[in-house]
N, C-alpha and C. Protein backbone atom coordinates (compact mmCIF):
# COMPACT_ATOMS: atom_id res chain seq x y z
N MET A 1 112.38 -156.05 39.85
CA MET A 1 113.82 -156.15 40.02
C MET A 1 114.27 -155.43 41.31
N TRP A 2 113.78 -154.20 41.49
CA TRP A 2 114.14 -153.45 42.70
C TRP A 2 113.65 -154.16 43.96
N ARG A 3 112.50 -154.77 43.84
CA ARG A 3 111.95 -155.49 44.99
C ARG A 3 112.86 -156.64 45.40
N LEU A 4 113.40 -157.36 44.43
CA LEU A 4 114.32 -158.46 44.73
C LEU A 4 115.59 -157.95 45.41
N ILE A 5 116.12 -156.85 44.90
CA ILE A 5 117.33 -156.28 45.50
C ILE A 5 117.03 -155.78 46.91
N LYS A 6 115.90 -155.14 47.07
CA LYS A 6 115.50 -154.63 48.39
C LYS A 6 115.33 -155.79 49.39
N ASN A 7 114.66 -156.85 48.96
CA ASN A 7 114.48 -158.02 49.83
C ASN A 7 115.82 -158.66 50.19
N PHE A 8 116.73 -158.70 49.24
CA PHE A 8 118.05 -159.26 49.49
C PHE A 8 118.77 -158.47 50.59
N PHE A 9 118.73 -157.16 50.51
CA PHE A 9 119.40 -156.34 51.53
C PHE A 9 118.71 -156.44 52.88
N TYR A 10 117.40 -156.54 52.88
CA TYR A 10 116.68 -156.75 54.15
C TYR A 10 117.07 -158.07 54.79
N SER A 11 117.20 -159.10 53.95
CA SER A 11 117.58 -160.40 54.50
C SER A 11 119.01 -160.37 55.05
N LEU A 12 119.90 -159.64 54.41
CA LEU A 12 121.26 -159.50 54.93
C LEU A 12 121.28 -158.79 56.28
N ARG A 13 120.42 -157.80 56.44
CA ARG A 13 120.37 -157.06 57.70
C ARG A 13 119.76 -157.90 58.82
N SER A 14 118.79 -158.73 58.50
CA SER A 14 118.12 -159.52 59.53
C SER A 14 118.85 -160.83 59.85
N TYR A 15 119.75 -161.28 58.98
CA TYR A 15 120.44 -162.55 59.18
C TYR A 15 121.13 -162.64 60.53
N PRO A 16 121.90 -161.62 60.96
CA PRO A 16 122.55 -161.73 62.28
C PRO A 16 121.56 -161.89 63.43
N ASP A 17 120.39 -161.30 63.32
CA ASP A 17 119.39 -161.43 64.38
C ASP A 17 118.79 -162.83 64.44
N LEU A 18 118.80 -163.54 63.33
CA LEU A 18 118.17 -164.85 63.25
C LEU A 18 119.16 -166.00 63.44
N SER A 19 120.43 -165.72 63.30
CA SER A 19 121.43 -166.77 63.36
C SER A 19 122.02 -166.88 64.77
N PRO A 20 122.65 -168.01 65.06
CA PRO A 20 123.23 -168.21 66.39
C PRO A 20 124.39 -167.26 66.66
N ASP A 21 124.57 -166.95 67.93
CA ASP A 21 125.73 -166.18 68.38
C ASP A 21 126.87 -167.18 68.56
N LEU A 22 127.76 -167.22 67.59
CA LEU A 22 128.82 -168.23 67.59
C LEU A 22 129.83 -168.02 68.71
N ARG A 23 130.05 -166.78 69.09
CA ARG A 23 130.96 -166.53 70.22
C ARG A 23 130.37 -167.07 71.52
N MET A 24 129.08 -166.85 71.71
CA MET A 24 128.44 -167.37 72.91
C MET A 24 128.44 -168.90 72.88
N ARG A 25 128.21 -169.47 71.73
CA ARG A 25 128.23 -170.92 71.58
C ARG A 25 129.61 -171.48 71.98
N GLN A 26 130.66 -170.82 71.53
CA GLN A 26 132.02 -171.24 71.90
C GLN A 26 132.23 -171.11 73.41
N ARG A 27 131.73 -170.03 73.97
CA ARG A 27 131.87 -169.82 75.41
C ARG A 27 131.18 -170.92 76.22
N VAL A 28 129.96 -171.26 75.80
CA VAL A 28 129.22 -172.31 76.50
C VAL A 28 129.93 -173.65 76.32
N ASN A 29 130.38 -173.94 75.12
CA ASN A 29 131.10 -175.20 74.89
C ASN A 29 132.40 -175.26 75.70
N ARG A 30 133.06 -174.12 75.89
CA ARG A 30 134.25 -174.10 76.75
C ARG A 30 133.88 -174.42 78.19
N MET A 31 132.76 -173.85 78.65
CA MET A 31 132.30 -174.13 80.01
C MET A 31 131.99 -175.62 80.16
N LEU A 32 131.40 -176.22 79.15
CA LEU A 32 131.06 -177.64 79.19
C LEU A 32 132.28 -178.55 79.01
N SER A 33 133.36 -178.01 78.49
CA SER A 33 134.51 -178.85 78.13
C SER A 33 135.17 -179.52 79.34
N ASP A 34 134.97 -178.99 80.53
CA ASP A 34 135.54 -179.60 81.73
C ASP A 34 134.81 -180.88 82.14
N ARG A 35 133.66 -181.09 81.60
CA ARG A 35 132.85 -182.25 81.97
C ARG A 35 133.16 -183.44 81.08
N PRO A 36 133.01 -184.64 81.63
CA PRO A 36 133.21 -185.82 80.79
C PRO A 36 132.09 -185.95 79.75
N HIS A 37 132.46 -186.42 78.57
CA HIS A 37 131.47 -186.66 77.51
C HIS A 37 130.83 -188.02 77.72
N LEU A 38 129.51 -188.04 77.72
CA LEU A 38 128.78 -189.30 77.86
C LEU A 38 128.12 -189.65 76.54
N ASN A 39 128.14 -190.93 76.19
CA ASN A 39 127.42 -191.37 74.99
C ASN A 39 125.93 -191.41 75.34
N PRO A 40 125.05 -191.57 74.35
CA PRO A 40 123.60 -191.51 74.63
C PRO A 40 123.13 -192.48 75.71
N ASN A 41 123.64 -193.70 75.72
CA ASN A 41 123.20 -194.68 76.72
C ASN A 41 123.68 -194.30 78.12
N ASP A 42 124.94 -193.88 78.22
CA ASP A 42 125.46 -193.46 79.53
C ASP A 42 124.76 -192.20 80.03
N TRP A 43 124.48 -191.28 79.12
CA TRP A 43 123.77 -190.05 79.48
C TRP A 43 122.40 -190.38 80.05
N HIS A 44 121.72 -191.32 79.40
CA HIS A 44 120.41 -191.74 79.89
C HIS A 44 120.53 -192.40 81.27
N GLN A 45 121.44 -193.34 81.40
CA GLN A 45 121.57 -194.05 82.67
C GLN A 45 122.00 -193.14 83.82
N ARG A 46 122.91 -192.24 83.54
CA ARG A 46 123.43 -191.38 84.62
C ARG A 46 122.41 -190.34 85.09
N PHE A 47 121.69 -189.76 84.14
CA PHE A 47 120.83 -188.63 84.51
C PHE A 47 119.33 -188.91 84.44
N TRP A 48 118.89 -189.68 83.50
CA TRP A 48 117.46 -189.72 83.19
C TRP A 48 116.74 -190.96 83.68
N GLN A 49 117.43 -192.06 83.78
CA GLN A 49 116.78 -193.30 84.21
C GLN A 49 116.18 -193.15 85.61
N SER A 50 116.91 -192.55 86.52
CA SER A 50 116.40 -192.39 87.90
C SER A 50 115.22 -191.43 87.97
N LEU A 51 115.05 -190.59 86.96
CA LEU A 51 113.91 -189.67 86.91
C LEU A 51 112.75 -190.24 86.10
N ASP A 52 112.88 -191.51 85.70
CA ASP A 52 111.87 -192.20 84.90
C ASP A 52 111.61 -191.53 83.55
N ILE A 53 112.62 -190.92 83.00
CA ILE A 53 112.53 -190.38 81.64
C ILE A 53 112.79 -191.55 80.70
N THR A 54 111.94 -191.72 79.72
CA THR A 54 112.10 -192.84 78.81
C THR A 54 113.33 -192.66 77.93
N GLN A 55 113.92 -193.77 77.57
CA GLN A 55 115.11 -193.72 76.73
C GLN A 55 114.85 -193.09 75.36
N PRO A 56 113.70 -193.34 74.73
CA PRO A 56 113.47 -192.67 73.45
C PRO A 56 113.51 -191.14 73.55
N VAL A 57 113.03 -190.59 74.65
CA VAL A 57 113.06 -189.13 74.82
C VAL A 57 114.48 -188.65 75.06
N SER A 58 115.22 -189.33 75.92
CA SER A 58 116.60 -188.87 76.16
C SER A 58 117.44 -189.01 74.90
N HIS A 59 117.23 -190.07 74.14
CA HIS A 59 117.98 -190.22 72.88
C HIS A 59 117.55 -189.17 71.86
N PHE A 60 116.28 -188.82 71.86
CA PHE A 60 115.80 -187.76 70.97
C PHE A 60 116.52 -186.44 71.28
N VAL A 61 116.53 -186.05 72.55
CA VAL A 61 117.17 -184.78 72.93
C VAL A 61 118.67 -184.85 72.64
N TYR A 62 119.28 -185.97 72.97
CA TYR A 62 120.71 -186.14 72.73
C TYR A 62 121.04 -185.98 71.24
N ARG A 63 120.17 -186.47 70.41
CA ARG A 63 120.40 -186.41 68.95
C ARG A 63 120.12 -185.03 68.38
N TYR A 64 119.01 -184.41 68.79
CA TYR A 64 118.57 -183.19 68.12
C TYR A 64 119.05 -181.89 68.75
N LEU A 65 119.23 -181.83 70.06
CA LEU A 65 119.64 -180.57 70.68
C LEU A 65 120.95 -180.03 70.09
N PRO A 66 121.95 -180.87 69.84
CA PRO A 66 123.17 -180.34 69.22
C PRO A 66 122.95 -179.73 67.85
N SER A 67 122.01 -180.26 67.08
CA SER A 67 121.76 -179.68 65.76
C SER A 67 121.12 -178.29 65.86
N TYR A 68 120.38 -178.03 66.93
CA TYR A 68 119.79 -176.71 67.13
C TYR A 68 120.79 -175.74 67.75
N SER A 69 121.62 -176.26 68.66
CA SER A 69 122.42 -175.39 69.51
C SER A 69 123.92 -175.41 69.23
N GLY A 70 124.42 -176.49 68.64
CA GLY A 70 125.85 -176.63 68.48
C GLY A 70 126.56 -177.01 69.77
N LEU A 71 125.79 -177.38 70.79
CA LEU A 71 126.36 -177.75 72.07
C LEU A 71 126.51 -179.27 72.16
N ASP A 72 127.48 -179.72 72.92
CA ASP A 72 127.73 -181.15 73.11
C ASP A 72 126.77 -181.67 74.17
N CYS A 73 125.74 -182.35 73.74
CA CYS A 73 124.71 -182.83 74.65
C CYS A 73 125.26 -183.84 75.66
N GLY A 74 126.28 -184.56 75.29
CA GLY A 74 126.87 -185.54 76.19
C GLY A 74 127.53 -184.93 77.41
N LYS A 75 127.62 -183.60 77.44
CA LYS A 75 128.22 -182.90 78.58
C LYS A 75 127.21 -182.06 79.35
N ILE A 76 125.97 -182.10 78.91
CA ILE A 76 124.92 -181.31 79.55
C ILE A 76 124.32 -182.08 80.71
N HIS A 77 124.07 -181.39 81.81
CA HIS A 77 123.50 -181.99 83.02
C HIS A 77 122.06 -181.52 83.22
N PRO A 78 121.27 -182.30 83.94
CA PRO A 78 119.86 -181.93 84.16
C PRO A 78 119.67 -180.55 84.78
N SER A 79 120.58 -180.13 85.62
CA SER A 79 120.44 -178.84 86.30
C SER A 79 120.86 -177.65 85.45
N ASP A 80 121.42 -177.90 84.28
CA ASP A 80 121.81 -176.78 83.42
C ASP A 80 120.58 -175.99 83.01
N ARG A 81 120.66 -174.70 83.26
CA ARG A 81 119.54 -173.82 82.93
C ARG A 81 119.59 -173.47 81.45
N LEU A 82 118.42 -173.50 80.83
CA LEU A 82 118.34 -173.30 79.39
C LEU A 82 118.88 -171.95 78.96
N GLN A 83 118.57 -170.90 79.69
CA GLN A 83 119.00 -169.56 79.31
C GLN A 83 120.25 -169.09 80.05
N GLU A 84 120.28 -169.25 81.35
CA GLU A 84 121.37 -168.70 82.15
C GLU A 84 122.68 -169.46 82.00
N ASP A 85 122.62 -170.76 81.73
CA ASP A 85 123.83 -171.56 81.58
C ASP A 85 124.14 -171.90 80.13
N LEU A 86 123.10 -172.33 79.40
CA LEU A 86 123.30 -172.79 78.02
C LEU A 86 122.99 -171.71 76.97
N TYR A 87 122.29 -170.67 77.38
CA TYR A 87 121.98 -169.54 76.49
C TYR A 87 121.32 -169.99 75.18
N LEU A 88 120.36 -170.90 75.30
CA LEU A 88 119.75 -171.47 74.10
C LEU A 88 119.16 -170.43 73.16
N SER A 89 118.58 -169.38 73.70
CA SER A 89 118.00 -168.36 72.82
C SER A 89 119.07 -167.64 72.00
N LEU A 90 120.31 -167.69 72.45
CA LEU A 90 121.41 -167.04 71.71
C LEU A 90 122.19 -168.01 70.84
N VAL A 91 122.40 -169.24 71.31
CA VAL A 91 123.26 -170.17 70.58
C VAL A 91 122.51 -170.97 69.52
N CYS A 92 121.18 -170.93 69.58
CA CYS A 92 120.37 -171.66 68.60
C CYS A 92 119.91 -170.73 67.48
N TRP A 93 119.54 -171.31 66.37
CA TRP A 93 118.86 -170.56 65.33
C TRP A 93 117.54 -170.07 65.91
N PHE A 94 117.03 -168.98 65.37
CA PHE A 94 115.82 -168.35 65.91
C PHE A 94 114.62 -169.29 65.93
N ASP A 95 114.58 -170.26 65.04
CA ASP A 95 113.42 -171.14 64.92
C ASP A 95 113.63 -172.51 65.56
N TRP A 96 114.55 -172.60 66.53
CA TRP A 96 114.88 -173.90 67.09
C TRP A 96 113.68 -174.56 67.74
N GLN A 97 112.80 -173.77 68.36
CA GLN A 97 111.64 -174.37 69.01
C GLN A 97 110.69 -174.98 67.99
N GLN A 98 110.55 -174.32 66.85
CA GLN A 98 109.72 -174.88 65.78
C GLN A 98 110.35 -176.16 65.24
N SER A 99 111.65 -176.15 65.08
CA SER A 99 112.36 -177.36 64.63
C SER A 99 112.17 -178.50 65.63
N LEU A 100 112.25 -178.17 66.92
CA LEU A 100 112.02 -179.18 67.95
C LEU A 100 110.62 -179.77 67.82
N ARG A 101 109.64 -178.93 67.65
CA ARG A 101 108.25 -179.41 67.49
C ARG A 101 108.13 -180.33 66.28
N GLN A 102 108.71 -179.91 65.17
CA GLN A 102 108.62 -180.71 63.94
C GLN A 102 109.35 -182.04 64.10
N ASP A 103 110.54 -182.00 64.67
CA ASP A 103 111.31 -183.24 64.85
C ASP A 103 110.62 -184.18 65.83
N PHE A 104 110.03 -183.63 66.89
CA PHE A 104 109.31 -184.45 67.86
C PHE A 104 108.11 -185.11 67.19
N PHE A 105 107.42 -184.36 66.35
CA PHE A 105 106.29 -184.93 65.63
C PHE A 105 106.75 -186.03 64.67
N THR A 106 107.82 -185.77 63.95
CA THR A 106 108.34 -186.77 63.01
C THR A 106 108.75 -188.05 63.75
N GLN A 107 109.41 -187.88 64.88
CA GLN A 107 109.91 -189.03 65.64
C GLN A 107 108.79 -189.81 66.33
N PHE A 108 107.84 -189.07 66.97
CA PHE A 108 106.87 -189.73 67.84
C PHE A 108 105.41 -189.57 67.39
N GLN A 109 105.17 -188.82 66.32
CA GLN A 109 103.81 -188.56 65.85
C GLN A 109 102.98 -187.85 66.93
N ILE A 110 103.63 -186.95 67.67
CA ILE A 110 102.97 -186.18 68.72
C ILE A 110 103.16 -184.71 68.43
N ASP A 111 102.06 -184.00 68.34
CA ASP A 111 102.09 -182.56 68.09
C ASP A 111 102.19 -181.83 69.42
N LEU A 112 103.30 -181.13 69.63
CA LEU A 112 103.48 -180.38 70.87
C LEU A 112 102.61 -179.13 70.90
N GLY A 113 102.10 -178.73 69.76
CA GLY A 113 101.20 -177.59 69.69
C GLY A 113 101.94 -176.27 69.69
N GLU A 114 101.36 -175.30 69.07
CA GLU A 114 101.95 -173.97 69.00
C GLU A 114 101.83 -173.22 70.31
N GLU A 115 100.83 -173.58 71.11
CA GLU A 115 100.62 -172.85 72.37
C GLU A 115 101.66 -173.20 73.43
N ILE A 116 102.41 -174.25 73.24
CA ILE A 116 103.45 -174.62 74.19
C ILE A 116 104.61 -173.65 74.03
N ASP A 117 104.94 -172.96 75.11
CA ASP A 117 106.04 -172.01 75.10
C ASP A 117 107.20 -172.61 75.86
N LEU A 118 108.20 -173.05 75.13
CA LEU A 118 109.35 -173.69 75.76
C LEU A 118 110.17 -172.71 76.57
N GLU A 119 109.91 -171.42 76.40
CA GLU A 119 110.61 -170.41 77.19
C GLU A 119 110.21 -170.47 78.67
N THR A 120 109.10 -171.11 78.98
CA THR A 120 108.66 -171.21 80.38
C THR A 120 109.42 -172.30 81.14
N LEU A 121 110.18 -173.11 80.44
CA LEU A 121 110.96 -174.16 81.07
C LEU A 121 112.32 -173.59 81.49
N SER A 122 112.79 -173.97 82.66
CA SER A 122 114.03 -173.39 83.19
C SER A 122 115.28 -174.22 82.92
N THR A 123 115.17 -175.53 83.07
CA THR A 123 116.36 -176.40 83.00
C THR A 123 116.18 -177.49 81.96
N ILE A 124 117.28 -178.14 81.66
CA ILE A 124 117.22 -179.30 80.77
C ILE A 124 116.31 -180.36 81.37
N GLU A 125 116.37 -180.53 82.68
CA GLU A 125 115.50 -181.51 83.33
C GLU A 125 114.04 -181.18 83.08
N GLU A 126 113.65 -179.94 83.19
CA GLU A 126 112.26 -179.55 82.94
C GLU A 126 111.88 -179.81 81.49
N LEU A 127 112.79 -179.55 80.57
CA LEU A 127 112.52 -179.84 79.16
C LEU A 127 112.32 -181.33 78.95
N MET A 128 113.18 -182.15 79.56
CA MET A 128 113.07 -183.60 79.41
C MET A 128 111.77 -184.12 80.01
N VAL A 129 111.42 -183.63 81.19
CA VAL A 129 110.17 -184.06 81.84
C VAL A 129 108.98 -183.66 80.98
N PHE A 130 109.00 -182.45 80.45
CA PHE A 130 107.91 -181.99 79.58
C PHE A 130 107.77 -182.91 78.36
N LEU A 131 108.86 -183.17 77.67
CA LEU A 131 108.80 -184.02 76.47
C LEU A 131 108.37 -185.44 76.82
N ASP A 132 108.89 -185.96 77.92
CA ASP A 132 108.53 -187.32 78.33
C ASP A 132 107.04 -187.41 78.67
N ARG A 133 106.51 -186.40 79.33
CA ARG A 133 105.07 -186.40 79.65
C ARG A 133 104.23 -186.38 78.39
N GLN A 134 104.68 -185.64 77.38
CA GLN A 134 103.95 -185.62 76.13
C GLN A 134 103.89 -187.02 75.51
N LEU A 135 105.03 -187.68 75.53
CA LEU A 135 105.10 -189.03 74.97
C LEU A 135 104.26 -190.00 75.80
N MET A 136 104.38 -189.92 77.11
CA MET A 136 103.67 -190.86 77.97
C MET A 136 102.16 -190.63 77.94
N SER A 137 101.73 -189.39 77.79
CA SER A 137 100.29 -189.12 77.77
C SER A 137 99.64 -189.73 76.53
N ILE A 138 100.34 -189.78 75.44
CA ILE A 138 99.83 -190.40 74.21
C ILE A 138 99.85 -191.92 74.35
N ASN A 139 100.92 -192.43 74.92
CA ASN A 139 101.05 -193.89 75.07
C ASN A 139 100.04 -194.47 76.04
N ARG A 140 99.58 -193.68 77.00
CA ARG A 140 98.58 -194.16 77.96
C ARG A 140 97.15 -194.07 77.40
N SER A 141 96.98 -193.28 76.37
CA SER A 141 95.64 -193.10 75.81
C SER A 141 95.17 -194.31 75.05
C-alpha cells in the first residue's frame, strides 16, 4: 500500500519534467501565427517537392508532428530549427522521438533504430531529408 502511494507521489513530481511546456508551445505557435497556413498538398508542393522529398514523407510529418508538438505544421518552414525556433524538446512530450519511430514503422514498416539520435538534426529540412532517405533506401533495396 505504501509503495503505491509513494509511486503516485513520485509520478506527480516527475510529470512536469515529462510533459510539454505549454507556455513555450503557445509562444512558438504565436511566432508561427504570422505565416499562412498550408494544407498538406500545398505544404509539400511549396517546400518539399523541389527538394525531392516524397509526398508520403511530407504527409507523414504533417500529420504526426502536431500530435507530438502541438504546433501547426502547415506554418512550419524547412529552415525552422528544431530546437532554437520550434523548441521541440520543450513543446513535445518527453518520448516524442520514440513515438516518431513507432509511427514511422507503423506507416512505412521501416525501423529507424534506437541508435538514431534525432537531436543531431538541426532543421525541419534535415528531419525531412533523414526520413525520406530512410524510406528511399528501403524502396531501392
